[in-house]
PDB file of N, CA and C in Angstrom:
ATOM      1  N   UNK A   1      65.392  -8.701  -4.195  1.00  0.00           N
ATOM      2  CA  UNK A   1      65.842 -10.014  -3.786  1.00  0.00           C
ATOM      3  C   UNK A   1      64.703 -11.009  -3.993  1.00  0.00           C
ATOM      4  N   UNK A   2      65.028 -12.193  -4.489  1.00  0.00           N
ATOM      5  CA  UNK A   2      64.010 -13.197  -4.764  1.00  0.00           C
ATOM      6  C   UNK A   2      63.786 -14.073  -3.540  1.00  0.00           C
ATOM      7  N   UNK A   3      62.541 -14.499  -3.391  1.00  0.00           N
ATOM      8  CA  UNK A   3      62.247 -15.446  -2.324  1.00  0.00           C
ATOM      9  C   UNK A   3      62.522 -16.846  -2.847  1.00  0.00           C
ATOM     10  N   UNK A   4      62.473 -17.814  -1.974  1.00  0.00           N
ATOM     11  CA  UNK A   4      62.725 -19.206  -2.351  1.00  0.00           C
ATOM     12  C   UNK A   4      61.722 -19.681  -3.393  1.00  0.00           C
ATOM     13  N   UNK A   5      60.484 -19.214  -3.326  1.00  0.00           N
ATOM     14  CA  UNK A   5      59.423 -19.701  -4.204  1.00  0.00           C
ATOM     15  C   UNK A   5      59.429 -19.049  -5.578  1.00  0.00           C
ATOM     16  N   UNK A   6      60.180 -17.972  -5.750  1.00  0.00           N
ATOM     17  CA  UNK A   6      60.232 -17.305  -7.045  1.00  0.00           C
ATOM     18  C   UNK A   6      61.284 -17.970  -7.922  1.00  0.00           C
ATOM     19  N   UNK A   7      60.957 -18.114  -9.216  1.00  0.00           N
ATOM     20  CA  UNK A   7      61.911 -18.672 -10.160  1.00  0.00           C
ATOM     21  C   UNK A   7      62.621 -17.527 -10.870  1.00  0.00           C
ATOM     22  N   UNK A   8      63.938 -17.603 -10.974  1.00  0.00           N
ATOM     23  CA  UNK A   8      64.622 -16.582 -11.764  1.00  0.00           C
ATOM     24  C   UNK A   8      64.146 -16.654 -13.210  1.00  0.00           C
ATOM     25  N   UNK A   9      64.177 -15.520 -13.905  1.00  0.00           N
ATOM     26  CA  UNK A   9      63.711 -15.460 -15.285  1.00  0.00           C
ATOM     27  C   UNK A   9      64.442 -16.437 -16.190  1.00  0.00           C
ATOM     28  N   UNK A  10      65.718 -16.676 -15.945  1.00  0.00           N
ATOM     29  CA  UNK A  10      66.471 -17.562 -16.827  1.00  0.00           C
ATOM     30  C   UNK A  10      66.108 -19.034 -16.640  1.00  0.00           C
ATOM     31  N   UNK A  11      65.320 -19.365 -15.626  1.00  0.00           N
ATOM     32  CA  UNK A  11      64.873 -20.746 -15.425  1.00  0.00           C
ATOM     33  C   UNK A  11      63.567 -21.054 -16.142  1.00  0.00           C
ATOM     34  N   UNK A  12      62.852 -20.054 -16.612  1.00  0.00           N
ATOM     35  CA  UNK A  12      61.569 -20.304 -17.274  1.00  0.00           C
ATOM     36  C   UNK A  12      61.693 -21.259 -18.457  1.00  0.00           C
ATOM     37  N   UNK A  13      62.672 -21.112 -19.356  1.00  0.00           N
ATOM     38  CA  UNK A  13      62.782 -22.079 -20.461  1.00  0.00           C
ATOM     39  C   UNK A  13      63.044 -23.500 -19.966  1.00  0.00           C
ATOM     40  N   UNK A  14      63.846 -23.619 -18.917  1.00  0.00           N
ATOM     41  CA  UNK A  14      64.134 -24.941 -18.354  1.00  0.00           C
ATOM     42  C   UNK A  14      62.861 -25.542 -17.774  1.00  0.00           C
ATOM     43  N   UNK A  15      62.126 -24.761 -17.012  1.00  0.00           N
ATOM     44  CA  UNK A  15      60.888 -25.251 -16.408  1.00  0.00           C
ATOM     45  C   UNK A  15      59.866 -25.609 -17.482  1.00  0.00           C
ATOM     46  N   UNK A  16      59.790 -24.817 -18.547  1.00  0.00           N
ATOM     47  CA  UNK A  16      58.862 -25.118 -19.639  1.00  0.00           C
ATOM     48  C   UNK A  16      59.223 -26.434 -20.311  1.00  0.00           C
ATOM     49  N   UNK A  17      60.506 -26.667 -20.559  1.00  0.00           N
ATOM     50  CA  UNK A  17      60.901 -27.913 -21.220  1.00  0.00           C
ATOM     51  C   UNK A  17      60.697 -29.111 -20.302  1.00  0.00           C
ATOM     52  N   UNK A  18      60.847 -28.925 -18.998  1.00  0.00           N
ATOM     53  CA  UNK A  18      60.582 -30.015 -18.056  1.00  0.00           C
ATOM     54  C   UNK A  18      59.122 -30.438 -18.097  1.00  0.00           C
ATOM     55  N   UNK A  19      58.250 -29.489 -18.354  1.00  0.00           N
ATOM     56  CA  UNK A  19      56.820 -29.780 -18.386  1.00  0.00           C
ATOM     57  C   UNK A  19      56.438 -30.787 -19.444  1.00  0.00           C
ATOM     58  N   UNK A  20      57.265 -30.961 -20.460  1.00  0.00           N
ATOM     59  CA  UNK A  20      56.956 -31.879 -21.552  1.00  0.00           C
ATOM     60  C   UNK A  20      57.756 -33.174 -21.469  1.00  0.00           C
ATOM     61  N   UNK A  21      58.503 -33.373 -20.415  1.00  0.00           N
ATOM     62  CA  UNK A  21      59.349 -34.557 -20.291  1.00  0.00           C
ATOM     63  C   UNK A  21      58.756 -35.529 -19.272  1.00  0.00           C
ATOM     64  N   UNK A  22      59.396 -36.681 -19.150  1.00  0.00           N
ATOM     65  CA  UNK A  22      58.985 -37.661 -18.136  1.00  0.00           C
ATOM     66  C   UNK A  22      59.129 -37.073 -16.738  1.00  0.00           C
ATOM     67  N   UNK A  23      60.196 -36.312 -16.544  1.00  0.00           N
ATOM     68  CA  UNK A  23      60.393 -35.663 -15.247  1.00  0.00           C
ATOM     69  C   UNK A  23      59.266 -34.680 -14.964  1.00  0.00           C
ATOM     70  N   UNK A  24      58.818 -33.978 -15.996  1.00  0.00           N
ATOM     71  CA  UNK A  24      57.702 -33.049 -15.840  1.00  0.00           C
ATOM     72  C   UNK A  24      56.436 -33.757 -15.404  1.00  0.00           C
ATOM     73  N   UNK A  25      56.195 -34.953 -15.951  1.00  0.00           N
ATOM     74  CA  UNK A  25      55.015 -35.735 -15.559  1.00  0.00           C
ATOM     75  C   UNK A  25      55.108 -36.138 -14.090  1.00  0.00           C
ATOM     76  N   UNK A  26      56.300 -36.512 -13.672  1.00  0.00           N
ATOM     77  CA  UNK A  26      56.497 -36.894 -12.272  1.00  0.00           C
ATOM     78  C   UNK A  26      56.264 -35.692 -11.361  1.00  0.00           C
ATOM     79  N   UNK A  27      56.774 -34.545 -11.760  1.00  0.00           N
ATOM     80  CA  UNK A  27      56.592 -33.326 -10.965  1.00  0.00           C
ATOM     81  C   UNK A  27      55.118 -32.968 -10.873  1.00  0.00           C
ATOM     82  N   UNK A  28      54.389 -33.054 -11.989  1.00  0.00           N
ATOM     83  CA  UNK A  28      52.947 -32.751 -11.978  1.00  0.00           C
ATOM     84  C   UNK A  28      52.193 -33.714 -11.066  1.00  0.00           C
ATOM     85  N   UNK A  29      52.543 -35.009 -11.128  1.00  0.00           N
ATOM     86  CA  UNK A  29      51.856 -35.981 -10.271  1.00  0.00           C
ATOM     87  C   UNK A  29      52.168 -35.707  -8.800  1.00  0.00           C
ATOM     88  N   UNK A  30      53.414 -35.381  -8.497  1.00  0.00           N
ATOM     89  CA  UNK A  30      53.784 -35.079  -7.110  1.00  0.00           C
ATOM     90  C   UNK A  30      53.011 -33.872  -6.593  1.00  0.00           C
ATOM     91  N   UNK A  31      52.887 -32.841  -7.419  1.00  0.00           N
ATOM     92  CA  UNK A  31      52.116 -31.657  -7.015  1.00  0.00           C
ATOM     93  C   UNK A  31      50.650 -32.012  -6.806  1.00  0.00           C
ATOM     94  N   UNK A  32      50.105 -32.865  -7.688  1.00  0.00           N
ATOM     95  CA  UNK A  32      48.710 -33.286  -7.557  1.00  0.00           C
ATOM     96  C   UNK A  32      48.514 -34.065  -6.256  1.00  0.00           C
ATOM     97  N   UNK A  33      49.436 -34.984  -5.957  1.00  0.00           N
ATOM     98  CA  UNK A  33      49.323 -35.769  -4.729  1.00  0.00           C
ATOM     99  C   UNK A  33      49.432 -34.880  -3.492  1.00  0.00           C
ATOM    100  N   UNK A  34      50.298 -33.879  -3.538  1.00  0.00           N
ATOM    101  CA  UNK A  34      50.404 -32.943  -2.411  1.00  0.00           C
ATOM    102  C   UNK A  34      49.113 -32.149  -2.231  1.00  0.00           C
ATOM    103  N   UNK A  35      48.527 -31.699  -3.335  1.00  0.00           N
ATOM    104  CA  UNK A  35      47.260 -30.957  -3.257  1.00  0.00           C
ATOM    105  C   UNK A  35      46.148 -31.859  -2.729  1.00  0.00           C
ATOM    106  N   UNK A  36      46.132 -33.100  -3.185  1.00  0.00           N
ATOM    107  CA  UNK A  36      45.132 -34.063  -2.727  1.00  0.00           C
ATOM    108  C   UNK A  36      45.306 -34.346  -1.239  1.00  0.00           C
ATOM    109  N   UNK A  37      46.547 -34.502  -0.803  1.00  0.00           N
ATOM    110  CA  UNK A  37      46.814 -34.738   0.614  1.00  0.00           C
ATOM    111  C   UNK A  37      46.371 -33.545   1.454  1.00  0.00           C
ATOM    112  N   UNK A  38      46.643 -32.342   0.975  1.00  0.00           N
ATOM    113  CA  UNK A  38      46.219 -31.137   1.700  1.00  0.00           C
ATOM    114  C   UNK A  38      44.688 -31.098   1.815  1.00  0.00           C
ATOM    115  N   UNK A  39      43.997 -31.392   0.728  1.00  0.00           N
ATOM    116  CA  UNK A  39      42.529 -31.402   0.757  1.00  0.00           C
ATOM    117  C   UNK A  39      42.023 -32.468   1.724  1.00  0.00           C
ATOM    118  N   UNK A  40      42.644 -33.632   1.693  1.00  0.00           N
ATOM    119  CA  UNK A  40      42.237 -34.720   2.585  1.00  0.00           C
ATOM    120  C   UNK A  40      42.420 -34.321   4.047  1.00  0.00           C
ATOM    121  N   UNK A  41      43.526 -33.654   4.356  1.00  0.00           N
ATOM    122  CA  UNK A  41      43.787 -33.249   5.737  1.00  0.00           C
ATOM    123  C   UNK A  41      42.717 -32.294   6.261  1.00  0.00           C
ATOM    124  N   UNK A  42      42.132 -31.493   5.384  1.00  0.00           N
ATOM    125  CA  UNK A  42      41.076 -30.573   5.818  1.00  0.00           C
ATOM    126  C   UNK A  42      39.739 -31.283   5.984  1.00  0.00           C
ATOM    127  N   UNK A  43      39.577 -32.436   5.336  1.00  0.00           N
ATOM    128  CA  UNK A  43      38.324 -33.192   5.404  1.00  0.00           C
ATOM    129  C   UNK A  43      38.305 -34.143   6.597  1.00  0.00           C
ATOM    130  N   UNK A  44      39.430 -34.780   6.864  1.00  0.00           N
ATOM    131  CA  UNK A  44      39.488 -35.786   7.927  1.00  0.00           C
ATOM    132  C   UNK A  44      39.279 -35.165   9.305  1.00  0.00           C
ATOM    133  N   UNK A  45      38.681 -35.930  10.218  1.00  0.00           N
ATOM    134  CA  UNK A  45      38.615 -35.458  11.603  1.00  0.00           C
ATOM    135  C   UNK A  45      40.038 -35.235  12.131  1.00  0.00           C
ATOM    136  N   UNK A  46      40.233 -34.218  12.952  1.00  0.00           N
ATOM    137  CA  UNK A  46      41.587 -33.886  13.429  1.00  0.00           C
ATOM    138  C   UNK A  46      42.323 -35.062  14.077  1.00  0.00           C
ATOM    139  N   UNK A  47      41.592 -35.935  14.750  1.00  0.00           N
ATOM    140  CA  UNK A  47      42.262 -37.057  15.423  1.00  0.00           C
ATOM    141  C   UNK A  47      42.816 -38.088  14.436  1.00  0.00           C
ATOM    142  N   UNK A  48      42.385 -38.037  13.161  1.00  0.00           N
ATOM    143  CA  UNK A  48      42.892 -38.966  12.147  1.00  0.00           C
ATOM    144  C   UNK A  48      43.929 -38.326  11.235  1.00  0.00           C
ATOM    145  N   UNK A  49      43.882 -37.027  11.083  1.00  0.00           N
ATOM    146  CA  UNK A  49      44.690 -36.336  10.070  1.00  0.00           C
ATOM    147  C   UNK A  49      46.190 -36.600  10.226  1.00  0.00           C
ATOM    148  N   UNK A  50      46.686 -36.628  11.439  1.00  0.00           N
ATOM    149  CA  UNK A  50      48.125 -36.843  11.646  1.00  0.00           C
ATOM    150  C   UNK A  50      48.563 -38.279  11.412  1.00  0.00           C
ATOM    151  N   UNK A  51      47.616 -39.176  11.229  1.00  0.00           N
ATOM    152  CA  UNK A  51      47.932 -40.595  11.056  1.00  0.00           C
ATOM    153  C   UNK A  51      47.716 -41.073   9.627  1.00  0.00           C
ATOM    154  N   UNK A  52      47.387 -40.168   8.731  1.00  0.00           N
ATOM    155  CA  UNK A  52      46.978 -40.549   7.383  1.00  0.00           C
ATOM    156  C   UNK A  52      47.617 -39.621   6.355  1.00  0.00           C
ATOM    157  N   UNK A  53      48.065 -40.202   5.230  1.00  0.00           N
ATOM    158  CA  UNK A  53      48.624 -39.389   4.146  1.00  0.00           C
ATOM    159  C   UNK A  53      48.349 -40.060   2.805  1.00  0.00           C
ATOM    160  N   UNK A  54      48.231 -39.256   1.776  1.00  0.00           N
ATOM    161  CA  UNK A  54      48.048 -39.777   0.420  1.00  0.00           C
ATOM    162  C   UNK A  54      49.400 -40.295  -0.054  1.00  0.00           C
ATOM    163  N   UNK A  55      49.432 -41.553  -0.518  1.00  0.00           N
ATOM    164  CA  UNK A  55      50.689 -42.106  -1.025  1.00  0.00           C
ATOM    165  C   UNK A  55      50.667 -42.287  -2.541  1.00  0.00           C
ATOM    166  N   UNK A  56      49.471 -42.388  -3.130  1.00  0.00           N
ATOM    167  CA  UNK A  56      49.384 -42.545  -4.580  1.00  0.00           C
ATOM    168  C   UNK A  56      47.934 -42.421  -5.008  1.00  0.00           C
ATOM    169  N   UNK A  57      47.742 -42.404  -6.312  1.00  0.00           N
ATOM    170  CA  UNK A  57      46.413 -42.522  -6.894  1.00  0.00           C
ATOM    171  C   UNK A  57      46.569 -43.441  -8.090  1.00  0.00           C
ATOM    172  N   UNK A  58      45.688 -44.429  -8.189  1.00  0.00           N
ATOM    173  CA  UNK A  58      45.770 -45.416  -9.253  1.00  0.00           C
ATOM    174  C   UNK A  58      44.367 -45.692  -9.771  1.00  0.00           C
ATOM    175  N   UNK A  59      44.140 -45.409 -11.045  1.00  0.00           N
ATOM    176  CA  UNK A  59      42.842 -45.615 -11.684  1.00  0.00           C
ATOM    177  C   UNK A  59      41.716 -44.976 -10.873  1.00  0.00           C
ATOM    178  N   UNK A  60      41.924 -43.737 -10.473  1.00  0.00           N
ATOM    179  CA  UNK A  60      40.958 -42.899  -9.757  1.00  0.00           C
ATOM    180  C   UNK A  60      40.685 -43.365  -8.322  1.00  0.00           C
ATOM    181  N   UNK A  61      41.500 -44.274  -7.813  1.00  0.00           N
ATOM    182  CA  UNK A  61      41.402 -44.712  -6.421  1.00  0.00           C
ATOM    183  C   UNK A  61      42.560 -44.084  -5.649  1.00  0.00           C
ATOM    184  N   UNK A  62      42.229 -43.319  -4.623  1.00  0.00           N
ATOM    185  CA  UNK A  62      43.248 -42.679  -3.787  1.00  0.00           C
ATOM    186  C   UNK A  62      43.759 -43.716  -2.795  1.00  0.00           C
ATOM    187  N   UNK A  63      45.071 -43.897  -2.764  1.00  0.00           N
ATOM    188  CA  UNK A  63      45.686 -44.857  -1.853  1.00  0.00           C
ATOM    189  C   UNK A  63      46.260 -44.078  -0.677  1.00  0.00           C
ATOM    190  N   UNK A  64      45.786 -44.434   0.505  1.00  0.00           N
ATOM    191  CA  UNK A  64      46.196 -43.750   1.730  1.00  0.00           C
ATOM    192  C   UNK A  64      47.134 -44.636   2.533  1.00  0.00           C
ATOM    193  N   UNK A  65      48.189 -44.051   3.060  1.00  0.00           N
ATOM    194  CA  UNK A  65      49.056 -44.720   4.012  1.00  0.00           C
ATOM    195  C   UNK A  65      48.619 -44.301   5.405  1.00  0.00           C
ATOM    196  N   UNK A  66      48.275 -45.289   6.214  1.00  0.00           N
ATOM    197  CA  UNK A  66      47.734 -45.007   7.548  1.00  0.00           C
ATOM    198  C   UNK A  66      48.560 -45.793   8.555  1.00  0.00           C
ATOM    199  N   UNK A  67      48.922 -45.164   9.654  1.00  0.00           N
ATOM    200  CA  UNK A  67      49.840 -45.813  10.588  1.00  0.00           C
ATOM    201  C   UNK A  67      49.158 -46.642  11.677  1.00  0.00           C
ATOM    202  N   UNK A  68      47.871 -46.926  11.520  1.00  0.00           N
ATOM    203  CA  UNK A  68      47.152 -47.729  12.506  1.00  0.00           C
ATOM    204  C   UNK A  68      46.011 -48.477  11.821  1.00  0.00           C
ATOM    205  N   UNK A  69      45.909 -49.768  12.100  1.00  0.00           N
ATOM    206  CA  UNK A  69      44.826 -50.562  11.515  1.00  0.00           C
ATOM    207  C   UNK A  69      43.460 -50.075  11.994  1.00  0.00           C
ATOM    208  N   UNK A  70      43.380 -49.652  13.242  1.00  0.00           N
ATOM    209  CA  UNK A  70      42.102 -49.169  13.773  1.00  0.00           C
ATOM    210  C   UNK A  70      41.658 -47.901  13.041  1.00  0.00           C
ATOM    211  N   UNK A  71      42.589 -46.986  12.813  1.00  0.00           N
ATOM    212  CA  UNK A  71      42.249 -45.751  12.097  1.00  0.00           C
ATOM    213  C   UNK A  71      41.936 -46.059  10.640  1.00  0.00           C
ATOM    214  N   UNK A  72      42.664 -46.992  10.037  1.00  0.00           N
ATOM    215  CA  UNK A  72      42.391 -47.383   8.645  1.00  0.00           C
ATOM    216  C   UNK A  72      40.965 -47.903   8.508  1.00  0.00           C
ATOM    217  N   UNK A  73      40.522 -48.707   9.466  1.00  0.00           N
ATOM    218  CA  UNK A  73      39.153 -49.234   9.438  1.00  0.00           C
ATOM    219  C   UNK A  73      38.140 -48.106   9.549  1.00  0.00           C
ATOM    220  N   UNK A  74      38.371 -47.172  10.442  1.00  0.00           N
ATOM    221  CA  UNK A  74      37.436 -46.042  10.610  1.00  0.00           C
ATOM    222  C   UNK A  74      37.388 -45.179   9.351  1.00  0.00           C
ATOM    223  N   UNK A  75      38.542 -44.912   8.750  1.00  0.00           N
ATOM    224  CA  UNK A  75      38.577 -44.103   7.527  1.00  0.00           C
ATOM    225  C   UNK A  75      37.896 -44.845   6.386  1.00  0.00           C
ATOM    226  N   UNK A  76      38.104 -46.143   6.294  1.00  0.00           N
ATOM    227  CA  UNK A  76      37.444 -46.921   5.241  1.00  0.00           C
ATOM    228  C   UNK A  76      35.922 -46.841   5.392  1.00  0.00           C
ATOM    229  N   UNK A  77      35.429 -46.850   6.631  1.00  0.00           N
ATOM    230  CA  UNK A  77      33.985 -46.729   6.853  1.00  0.00           C
ATOM    231  C   UNK A  77      33.472 -45.342   6.465  1.00  0.00           C
ATOM    232  N   UNK A  78      34.329 -44.335   6.517  1.00  0.00           N
ATOM    233  CA  UNK A  78      33.956 -42.964   6.155  1.00  0.00           C
ATOM    234  C   UNK A  78      34.245 -42.658   4.684  1.00  0.00           C
ATOM    235  N   UNK A  79      34.759 -43.617   3.942  1.00  0.00           N
ATOM    236  CA  UNK A  79      35.312 -43.333   2.617  1.00  0.00           C
ATOM    237  C   UNK A  79      34.307 -42.732   1.637  1.00  0.00           C
ATOM    238  N   UNK A  80      33.054 -43.172   1.657  1.00  0.00           N
ATOM    239  CA  UNK A  80      32.067 -42.598   0.731  1.00  0.00           C
ATOM    240  C   UNK A  80      31.903 -41.098   0.969  1.00  0.00           C
ATOM    241  N   UNK A  81      31.811 -40.712   2.218  1.00  0.00           N
ATOM    242  CA  UNK A  81      31.679 -39.290   2.551  1.00  0.00           C
ATOM    243  C   UNK A  81      32.942 -38.514   2.158  1.00  0.00           C
ATOM    244  N   UNK A  82      34.098 -39.093   2.407  1.00  0.00           N
ATOM    245  CA  UNK A  82      35.360 -38.435   2.055  1.00  0.00           C
ATOM    246  C   UNK A  82      35.437 -38.221   0.547  1.00  0.00           C
ATOM    247  N   UNK A  83      35.088 -39.250  -0.223  1.00  0.00           N
ATOM    248  CA  UNK A  83      35.122 -39.139  -1.689  1.00  0.00           C
ATOM    249  C   UNK A  83      34.158 -38.057  -2.164  1.00  0.00           C
ATOM    250  N   UNK A  84      32.957 -38.038  -1.618  1.00  0.00           N
ATOM    251  CA  UNK A  84      31.983 -37.012  -2.015  1.00  0.00           C
ATOM    252  C   UNK A  84      32.516 -35.612  -1.731  1.00  0.00           C
ATOM    253  N   UNK A  85      33.146 -35.443  -0.599  1.00  0.00           N
ATOM    254  CA  UNK A  85      33.680 -34.123  -0.241  1.00  0.00           C
ATOM    255  C   UNK A  85      34.876 -33.746  -1.114  1.00  0.00           C
ATOM    256  N   UNK A  86      35.722 -34.714  -1.446  1.00  0.00           N
ATOM    257  CA  UNK A  86      36.839 -34.439  -2.352  1.00  0.00           C
ATOM    258  C   UNK A  86      36.336 -34.037  -3.734  1.00  0.00           C
ATOM    259  N   UNK A  87      35.293 -34.721  -4.210  1.00  0.00           N
ATOM    260  CA  UNK A  87      34.778 -34.487  -5.559  1.00  0.00           C
ATOM    261  C   UNK A  87      34.108 -33.122  -5.709  1.00  0.00           C
ATOM    262  N   UNK A  88      33.832 -32.441  -4.619  1.00  0.00           N
ATOM    263  CA  UNK A  88      33.290 -31.081  -4.704  1.00  0.00           C
ATOM    264  C   UNK A  88      34.321 -30.122  -5.283  1.00  0.00           C
ATOM    265  N   UNK A  89      35.586 -30.479  -5.170  1.00  0.00           N
ATOM    266  CA  UNK A  89      36.674 -29.693  -5.753  1.00  0.00           C
ATOM    267  C   UNK A  89      36.884 -30.185  -7.181  1.00  0.00           C
ATOM    268  N   UNK A  90      36.810 -29.288  -8.159  1.00  0.00           N
ATOM    269  CA  UNK A  90      36.893 -29.699  -9.564  1.00  0.00           C
ATOM    270  C   UNK A  90      38.198 -30.421  -9.877  1.00  0.00           C
ATOM    271  N   UNK A  91      39.245 -30.139  -9.146  1.00  0.00           N
ATOM    272  CA  UNK A  91      40.536 -30.796  -9.368  1.00  0.00           C
ATOM    273  C   UNK A  91      40.484 -32.288  -9.030  1.00  0.00           C
ATOM    274  N   UNK A  92      39.541 -32.675  -8.160  1.00  0.00           N
ATOM    275  CA  UNK A  92      39.467 -34.060  -7.701  1.00  0.00           C
ATOM    276  C   UNK A  92      38.174 -34.757  -8.126  1.00  0.00           C
ATOM    277  N   UNK A  93      37.499 -34.238  -9.145  1.00  0.00           N
ATOM    278  CA  UNK A  93      36.234 -34.814  -9.631  1.00  0.00           C
ATOM    279  C   UNK A  93      36.378 -36.272 -10.036  1.00  0.00           C
ATOM    280  N   UNK A  94      37.557 -36.662 -10.501  1.00  0.00           N
ATOM    281  CA  UNK A  94      37.745 -38.013 -11.018  1.00  0.00           C
ATOM    282  C   UNK A  94      37.959 -39.073  -9.932  1.00  0.00           C
ATOM    283  N   UNK A  95      38.074 -38.664  -8.682  1.00  0.00           N
ATOM    284  CA  UNK A  95      38.285 -39.617  -7.592  1.00  0.00           C
ATOM    285  C   UNK A  95      37.034 -40.476  -7.422  1.00  0.00           C
ATOM    286  N   UNK A  96      37.233 -41.797  -7.448  1.00  0.00           N
ATOM    287  CA  UNK A  96      36.107 -42.731  -7.334  1.00  0.00           C
ATOM    288  C   UNK A  96      36.078 -43.491  -6.015  1.00  0.00           C
ATOM    289  N   UNK A  97      37.215 -43.589  -5.353  1.00  0.00           N
ATOM    290  CA  UNK A  97      37.239 -44.359  -4.119  1.00  0.00           C
ATOM    291  C   UNK A  97      38.527 -44.164  -3.354  1.00  0.00           C
ATOM    292  N   UNK A  98      38.585 -44.857  -2.216  1.00  0.00           N
ATOM    293  CA  UNK A  98      39.745 -44.778  -1.327  1.00  0.00           C
ATOM    294  C   UNK A  98      40.152 -46.194  -0.951  1.00  0.00           C
ATOM    295  N   UNK A  99      41.452 -46.422  -0.954  1.00  0.00           N
ATOM    296  CA  UNK A  99      42.009 -47.686  -0.477  1.00  0.00           C
ATOM    297  C   UNK A  99      42.957 -47.354   0.668  1.00  0.00           C
ATOM    298  N   UNK A 100      42.789 -48.032   1.788  1.00  0.00           N
ATOM    299  CA  UNK A 100      43.628 -47.782   2.958  1.00  0.00           C
ATOM    300  C   UNK A 100      44.683 -48.877   3.086  1.00  0.00           C
ATOM    301  N   UNK A 101      45.922 -48.461   3.285  1.00  0.00           N
ATOM    302  CA  UNK A 101      47.021 -49.402   3.515  1.00  0.00           C
ATOM    303  C   UNK A 101      47.707 -49.007   4.814  1.00  0.00           C
ATOM    304  N   UNK A 102      47.856 -49.971   5.693  1.00  0.00           N
ATOM    305  CA  UNK A 102      48.522 -49.705   6.965  1.00  0.00           C
ATOM    306  C   UNK A 102      50.025 -49.700   6.714  1.00  0.00           C
ATOM    307  N   UNK A 103      50.666 -48.599   7.116  1.00  0.00           N
ATOM    308  CA  UNK A 103      52.107 -48.426   6.940  1.00  0.00           C
ATOM    309  C   UNK A 103      52.674 -47.804   8.201  1.00  0.00           C
ATOM    310  N   UNK A 104      53.725 -48.403   8.718  1.00  0.00           N
ATOM    311  CA  UNK A 104      54.382 -47.818   9.886  1.00  0.00           C
ATOM    312  C   UNK A 104      55.122 -46.563   9.463  1.00  0.00           C
ATOM    313  N   UNK A 105      55.146 -45.579  10.319  1.00  0.00           N
ATOM    314  CA  UNK A 105      55.878 -44.330  10.011  1.00  0.00           C
ATOM    315  C   UNK A 105      57.318 -44.460  10.363  1.00  0.00           C
TER     316      UNK A 105
END
């Protein structure tokens, strides 16, 4: 029996062709943003992690959605350290900065 995460063998050609399409690019970016968000959650102090999420990346600047202006200010002050810690992971070497945007949940 297959688990939810396993792909049936007959889906491999479909998944391969998606990888070369516009939809494939969107899927790759979504996976990258999820991985980046997971890495960020491990870096942030626990009291901030539940209030912050990666919403996009644009020209090597990570855009964070934060549900409080006070927390956004604190994270912005920590941004150099956060970027340095993210860049230790080869997947995120290209990250140059962080932009905080206050967004209600």
